[in-house]
């Protein structure tokens, strides 16, 4: 049973109705994922783009909730175009699944799981940068060499990506009354 997307988003924007947003998300996310997958790319990358598209959607939809589905798809398509351009220009470093490293998700502290989930909301180039610099432990110079960019760019982009993670972490804590 489909519900009117515009009504759901109006309820979310006007009354902060989380249930309405969850319904909108459940209806739209599988379709958006299929769309992004059809636009090219890998399955996991499509999931990441869906998460990023919804994050950006939440940040903008309440300014003008008249066409929420169109806005969501426009955001997702722009993200996919950006990803395509970047993939053609930059080397790819895969984000390791903890299970592939022999770490069971249940054994991870909740904060680590949350941080890893937030990391996946960053664009892939920023994920790669942070993983090389802080997960693998490369220096700024080594990271710059691995990504074929100037060292100053690595320093600046690391700072910007960490700031995005900090803001997203704080936003999550405020949303759920933590801290």
C-alpha atoms as a PDB file:
ATOM      1  CA  UNK A   1       0.000   0.000   0.000  1.00  0.00           C
ATOM      2  CA  UNK A   2       1.557   3.266  -1.134  1.00  0.00           C
ATOM      3  CA  UNK A   3       1.063   6.488   0.751  1.00  0.00           C
ATOM      4  CA  UNK A   4       1.240   9.941  -0.787  1.00  0.00           C
ATOM      5  CA  UNK A   5       4.894  10.990  -0.566  1.00  0.00           C
ATOM      6  CA  UNK A   6       4.090  14.686  -0.391  1.00  0.00           C
ATOM      7  CA  UNK A   7       1.750  14.173   2.589  1.00  0.00           C
ATOM      8  CA  UNK A   8       4.352  12.070   4.392  1.00  0.00           C
ATOM      9  CA  UNK A   9       7.061  14.680   3.943  1.00  0.00           C
ATOM     10  CA  UNK A  10       4.734  17.506   4.960  1.00  0.00           C
ATOM     11  CA  UNK A  11       3.990  15.594   8.179  1.00  0.00           C
ATOM     12  CA  UNK A  12       7.710  15.131   8.733  1.00  0.00           C
ATOM     13  CA  UNK A  13       8.513  18.802   8.105  1.00  0.00           C
ATOM     14  CA  UNK A  14       5.545  20.366   9.914  1.00  0.00           C
ATOM     15  CA  UNK A  15       5.226  18.006  12.894  1.00  0.00           C
ATOM     16  CA  UNK A  16       8.614  16.257  12.965  1.00  0.00           C
ATOM     17  CA  UNK A  17       6.670  13.029  12.390  1.00  0.00           C
ATOM     18  CA  UNK A  18       9.427  10.390  12.343  1.00  0.00           C
ATOM     19  CA  UNK A  19       6.931   7.644  11.499  1.00  0.00           C
ATOM     20  CA  UNK A  20       5.936   9.484   8.334  1.00  0.00           C
ATOM     21  CA  UNK A  21       9.554   9.818   7.334  1.00  0.00           C
ATOM     22  CA  UNK A  22      10.200   6.114   8.024  1.00  0.00           C
ATOM     23  CA  UNK A  23       7.253   5.219   5.779  1.00  0.00           C
ATOM     24  CA  UNK A  24       8.598   7.497   3.038  1.00  0.00           C
ATOM     25  CA  UNK A  25      12.043   5.938   3.427  1.00  0.00           C
ATOM     26  CA  UNK A  26      10.698   2.350   3.316  1.00  0.00           C
ATOM     27  CA  UNK A  27       8.737   3.142   0.150  1.00  0.00           C
ATOM     28  CA  UNK A  28      11.460   5.066  -1.654  1.00  0.00           C
ATOM     29  CA  UNK A  29      14.787   3.505  -0.658  1.00  0.00           C
ATOM     30  CA  UNK A  30      14.425   0.170  -2.520  1.00  0.00           C
ATOM     31  CA  UNK A  31      13.283   1.941  -5.684  1.00  0.00           C
ATOM     32  CA  UNK A  32      16.050   4.524  -5.403  1.00  0.00           C
ATOM     33  CA  UNK A  33      18.626   1.756  -4.931  1.00  0.00           C
ATOM     34  CA  UNK A  34      17.396  -0.031  -8.064  1.00  0.00           C
ATOM     35  CA  UNK A  35      17.547   3.248  -9.980  1.00  0.00           C
ATOM     36  CA  UNK A  36      21.102   3.942  -8.875  1.00  0.00           C
ATOM     37  CA  UNK A  37      22.162   0.397  -9.635  1.00  0.00           C
ATOM     38  CA  UNK A  38      20.695   0.754 -13.115  1.00  0.00           C
ATOM     39  CA  UNK A  39      22.648   3.979 -13.587  1.00  0.00           C
ATOM     40  CA  UNK A  40      25.854   1.962 -13.252  1.00  0.00           C
ATOM     41  CA  UNK A  41      28.120   0.976 -10.451  1.00  0.00           C
ATOM     42  CA  UNK A  42      28.317  -1.688  -7.812  1.00  0.00           C
ATOM     43  CA  UNK A  43      25.627  -2.884  -5.432  1.00  0.00           C
ATOM     44  CA  UNK A  44      27.377  -1.573  -2.317  1.00  0.00           C
ATOM     45  CA  UNK A  45      28.111   1.761  -3.958  1.00  0.00           C
ATOM     46  CA  UNK A  46      24.402   2.075  -4.759  1.00  0.00           C
ATOM     47  CA  UNK A  47      23.544   1.488  -1.078  1.00  0.00           C
ATOM     48  CA  UNK A  48      26.056   4.175  -0.092  1.00  0.00           C
ATOM     49  CA  UNK A  49      24.550   6.597  -2.575  1.00  0.00           C
ATOM     50  CA  UNK A  50      21.062   5.936  -1.204  1.00  0.00           C
ATOM     51  CA  UNK A  51      22.295   6.760   2.314  1.00  0.00           C
ATOM     52  CA  UNK A  52      24.027   9.930   1.140  1.00  0.00           C
ATOM     53  CA  UNK A  53      21.014  10.960  -0.959  1.00  0.00           C
ATOM     54  CA  UNK A  54      18.677  10.603   2.027  1.00  0.00           C
ATOM     55  CA  UNK A  55      21.087  12.524   4.242  1.00  0.00           C
ATOM     56  CA  UNK A  56      21.162  15.431   1.793  1.00  0.00           C
ATOM     57  CA  UNK A  57      17.417  15.099   1.222  1.00  0.00           C
ATOM     58  CA  UNK A  58      16.723  15.484   4.955  1.00  0.00           C
ATOM     59  CA  UNK A  59      18.885  18.600   5.025  1.00  0.00           C
ATOM     60  CA  UNK A  60      16.958  20.305   2.203  1.00  0.00           C
ATOM     61  CA  UNK A  61      13.434  18.937   1.794  1.00  0.00           C
ATOM     62  CA  UNK A  62      11.707  21.056   4.434  1.00  0.00           C
ATOM     63  CA  UNK A  63      12.612  24.254   2.576  1.00  0.00           C
ATOM     64  CA  UNK A  64      10.232  23.197  -0.215  1.00  0.00           C
ATOM     65  CA  UNK A  65       8.390  19.889   0.394  1.00  0.00           C
ATOM     66  CA  UNK A  66       6.182  20.132  -2.742  1.00  0.00           C
ATOM     67  CA  UNK A  67       7.994  17.511  -4.858  1.00  0.00           C
ATOM     68  CA  UNK A  68       9.901  15.249  -2.454  1.00  0.00           C
ATOM     69  CA  UNK A  69      10.347  12.267  -4.776  1.00  0.00           C
ATOM     70  CA  UNK A  70      11.697  14.432  -7.594  1.00  0.00           C
ATOM     71  CA  UNK A  71      14.070  16.141  -5.164  1.00  0.00           C
ATOM     72  CA  UNK A  72      15.310  12.805  -3.828  1.00  0.00           C
ATOM     73  CA  UNK A  73      16.025  11.451  -7.299  1.00  0.00           C
ATOM     74  CA  UNK A  74      17.688  14.683  -8.426  1.00  0.00           C
ATOM     75  CA  UNK A  75      20.001  14.530  -5.416  1.00  0.00           C
ATOM     76  CA  UNK A  76      20.752  10.839  -6.016  1.00  0.00           C
ATOM     77  CA  UNK A  77      21.451  11.326  -9.699  1.00  0.00           C
ATOM     78  CA  UNK A  78      23.779  14.248  -8.992  1.00  0.00           C
ATOM     79  CA  UNK A  79      25.610  12.092  -6.449  1.00  0.00           C
ATOM     80  CA  UNK A  80      25.917   9.281  -8.999  1.00  0.00           C
ATOM     81  CA  UNK A  81      27.305  11.695 -11.606  1.00  0.00           C
ATOM     82  CA  UNK A  82      29.820  13.002  -9.068  1.00  0.00           C
ATOM     83  CA  UNK A  83      30.798   9.438  -8.186  1.00  0.00           C
ATOM     84  CA  UNK A  84      31.246   8.544 -11.846  1.00  0.00           C
ATOM     85  CA  UNK A  85      33.457  11.568 -12.460  1.00  0.00           C
ATOM     86  CA  UNK A  86      35.543  10.812  -9.411  1.00  0.00           C
ATOM     87  CA  UNK A  87      35.880   7.106 -10.221  1.00  0.00           C
ATOM     88  CA  UNK A  88      37.316   8.007 -13.586  1.00  0.00           C
ATOM     89  CA  UNK A  89      39.828  10.443 -12.078  1.00  0.00           C
ATOM     90  CA  UNK A  90      40.980   8.828  -8.828  1.00  0.00           C
ATOM     91  CA  UNK A  91      42.296   5.467  -7.721  1.00  0.00           C
ATOM     92  CA  UNK A  92      39.845   3.291  -5.802  1.00  0.00           C
ATOM     93  CA  UNK A  93      40.469   2.011  -2.284  1.00  0.00           C
ATOM     94  CA  UNK A  94      37.805  -0.424  -1.092  1.00  0.00           C
ATOM     95  CA  UNK A  95      36.299  -0.001   2.363  1.00  0.00           C
ATOM     96  CA  UNK A  96      37.032  -3.197   4.218  1.00  0.00           C
ATOM     97  CA  UNK A  97      34.147  -5.030   5.793  1.00  0.00           C
ATOM     98  CA  UNK A  98      35.056  -5.864   9.405  1.00  0.00           C
ATOM     99  CA  UNK A  99      34.035  -9.469   8.762  1.00  0.00           C
ATOM    100  CA  UNK A 100      36.648  -9.620   6.008  1.00  0.00           C
ATOM    101  CA  UNK A 101      39.208  -8.526   8.582  1.00  0.00           C
ATOM    102  CA  UNK A 102      38.087 -11.213  11.022  1.00  0.00           C
ATOM    103  CA  UNK A 103      36.178  -8.815  13.299  1.00  0.00           C
ATOM    104  CA  UNK A 104      32.626  -9.805  14.133  1.00  0.00           C
ATOM    105  CA  UNK A 105      30.215  -6.844  14.156  1.00  0.00           C
ATOM    106  CA  UNK A 106      28.862  -7.968  17.535  1.00  0.00           C
ATOM    107  CA  UNK A 107      32.402  -7.727  18.984  1.00  0.00           C
ATOM    108  CA  UNK A 108      32.701  -4.074  17.948  1.00  0.00           C
ATOM    109  CA  UNK A 109      31.805  -1.433  20.502  1.00  0.00           C
ATOM    110  CA  UNK A 110      28.564   0.414  19.646  1.00  0.00           C
ATOM    111  CA  UNK A 111      30.464   3.664  19.158  1.00  0.00           C
ATOM    112  CA  UNK A 112      32.747   1.995  16.629  1.00  0.00           C
ATOM    113  CA  UNK A 113      29.783   0.581  14.702  1.00  0.00           C
ATOM    114  CA  UNK A 114      28.184   4.032  14.711  1.00  0.00           C
ATOM    115  CA  UNK A 115      31.380   5.696  13.504  1.00  0.00           C
ATOM    116  CA  UNK A 116      31.742   3.125  10.734  1.00  0.00           C
ATOM    117  CA  UNK A 117      28.132   3.748   9.695  1.00  0.00           C
ATOM    118  CA  UNK A 118      28.744   7.498   9.645  1.00  0.00           C
ATOM    119  CA  UNK A 119      31.887   6.974   7.612  1.00  0.00           C
ATOM    120  CA  UNK A 120      29.817   5.293   4.918  1.00  0.00           C
ATOM    121  CA  UNK A 121      27.710   8.467   4.607  1.00  0.00           C
ATOM    122  CA  UNK A 122      30.746  10.381   3.389  1.00  0.00           C
ATOM    123  CA  UNK A 123      31.528  10.464  -0.311  1.00  0.00           C
ATOM    124  CA  UNK A 124      33.811   7.626  -1.384  1.00  0.00           C
ATOM    125  CA  UNK A 125      36.865   9.864  -1.917  1.00  0.00           C
ATOM    126  CA  UNK A 126      36.607  11.080   1.680  1.00  0.00           C
ATOM    127  CA  UNK A 127      36.088   7.547   2.958  1.00  0.00           C
ATOM    128  CA  UNK A 128      39.201   6.455   1.088  1.00  0.00           C
ATOM    129  CA  UNK A 129      41.194   9.352   2.445  1.00  0.00           C
ATOM    130  CA  UNK A 130      40.213   8.749   6.074  1.00  0.00           C
ATOM    131  CA  UNK A 131      40.678   4.999   5.820  1.00  0.00           C
ATOM    132  CA  UNK A 132      44.166   5.349   4.394  1.00  0.00           C
ATOM    133  CA  UNK A 133      45.179   8.032   6.878  1.00  0.00           C
ATOM    134  CA  UNK A 134      43.606   6.769  10.118  1.00  0.00           C
ATOM    135  CA  UNK A 135      42.563   3.110   9.660  1.00  0.00           C
ATOM    136  CA  UNK A 136      45.649   1.958   7.811  1.00  0.00           C
ATOM    137  CA  UNK A 137      47.816   4.586   9.481  1.00  0.00           C
ATOM    138  CA  UNK A 138      49.588   6.122   6.511  1.00  0.00           C
ATOM    139  CA  UNK A 139      51.213   9.503   7.037  1.00  0.00           C
ATOM    140  CA  UNK A 140      49.911  12.554   5.188  1.00  0.00           C
ATOM    141  CA  UNK A 141      52.780  12.173   2.734  1.00  0.00           C
ATOM    142  CA  UNK A 142      52.139   8.449   2.155  1.00  0.00           C
ATOM    143  CA  UNK A 143      48.405   9.066   1.736  1.00  0.00           C
ATOM    144  CA  UNK A 144      49.126  11.820  -0.780  1.00  0.00           C
ATOM    145  CA  UNK A 145      51.354   9.462  -2.719  1.00  0.00           C
ATOM    146  CA  UNK A 146      48.775   6.666  -2.656  1.00  0.00           C
ATOM    147  CA  UNK A 147      46.056   8.985  -3.975  1.00  0.00           C
ATOM    148  CA  UNK A 148      48.346  10.936  -6.330  1.00  0.00           C
ATOM    149  CA  UNK A 149      47.459  14.321  -4.838  1.00  0.00           C
ATOM    150  CA  UNK A 150      49.558  17.003  -3.113  1.00  0.00           C
ATOM    151  CA  UNK A 151      50.239  16.525   0.604  1.00  0.00           C
ATOM    152  CA  UNK A 152      48.557  19.848   1.421  1.00  0.00           C
ATOM    153  CA  UNK A 153      45.399  18.605  -0.280  1.00  0.00           C
ATOM    154  CA  UNK A 154      45.415  15.512   1.924  1.00  0.00           C
ATOM    155  CA  UNK A 155      45.772  17.639   5.063  1.00  0.00           C
ATOM    156  CA  UNK A 156      42.944  19.965   4.029  1.00  0.00           C
ATOM    157  CA  UNK A 157      40.605  17.193   2.865  1.00  0.00           C
ATOM    158  CA  UNK A 158      41.261  15.132   6.011  1.00  0.00           C
ATOM    159  CA  UNK A 159      40.346  18.107   8.177  1.00  0.00           C
ATOM    160  CA  UNK A 160      37.176  18.746   6.151  1.00  0.00           C
ATOM    161  CA  UNK A 161      36.102  15.079   6.210  1.00  0.00           C
ATOM    162  CA  UNK A 162      36.729  14.801   9.954  1.00  0.00           C
ATOM    163  CA  UNK A 163      34.668  17.946  10.500  1.00  0.00           C
ATOM    164  CA  UNK A 164      31.786  16.394   8.526  1.00  0.00           C
ATOM    165  CA  UNK A 165      31.989  13.270  10.697  1.00  0.00           C
ATOM    166  CA  UNK A 166      32.068  15.365  13.877  1.00  0.00           C
ATOM    167  CA  UNK A 167      28.968  17.304  12.814  1.00  0.00           C
ATOM    168  CA  UNK A 168      27.122  14.121  11.863  1.00  0.00           C
ATOM    169  CA  UNK A 169      28.106  12.474  15.167  1.00  0.00           C
ATOM    170  CA  UNK A 170      26.827  15.463  17.157  1.00  0.00           C
ATOM    171  CA  UNK A 171      23.645  15.630  15.088  1.00  0.00           C
ATOM    172  CA  UNK A 172      23.004  11.944  15.890  1.00  0.00           C
ATOM    173  CA  UNK A 173      23.669  12.501  19.596  1.00  0.00           C
ATOM    174  CA  UNK A 174      21.273  15.474  19.735  1.00  0.00           C
ATOM    175  CA  UNK A 175      18.609  13.600  17.775  1.00  0.00           C
ATOM    176  CA  UNK A 176      18.676  10.684  20.243  1.00  0.00           C
ATOM    177  CA  UNK A 177      19.277  12.731  23.388  1.00  0.00           C
ATOM    178  CA  UNK A 178      22.814  11.486  23.985  1.00  0.00           C
ATOM    179  CA  UNK A 179      25.422  13.701  25.558  1.00  0.00           C
END
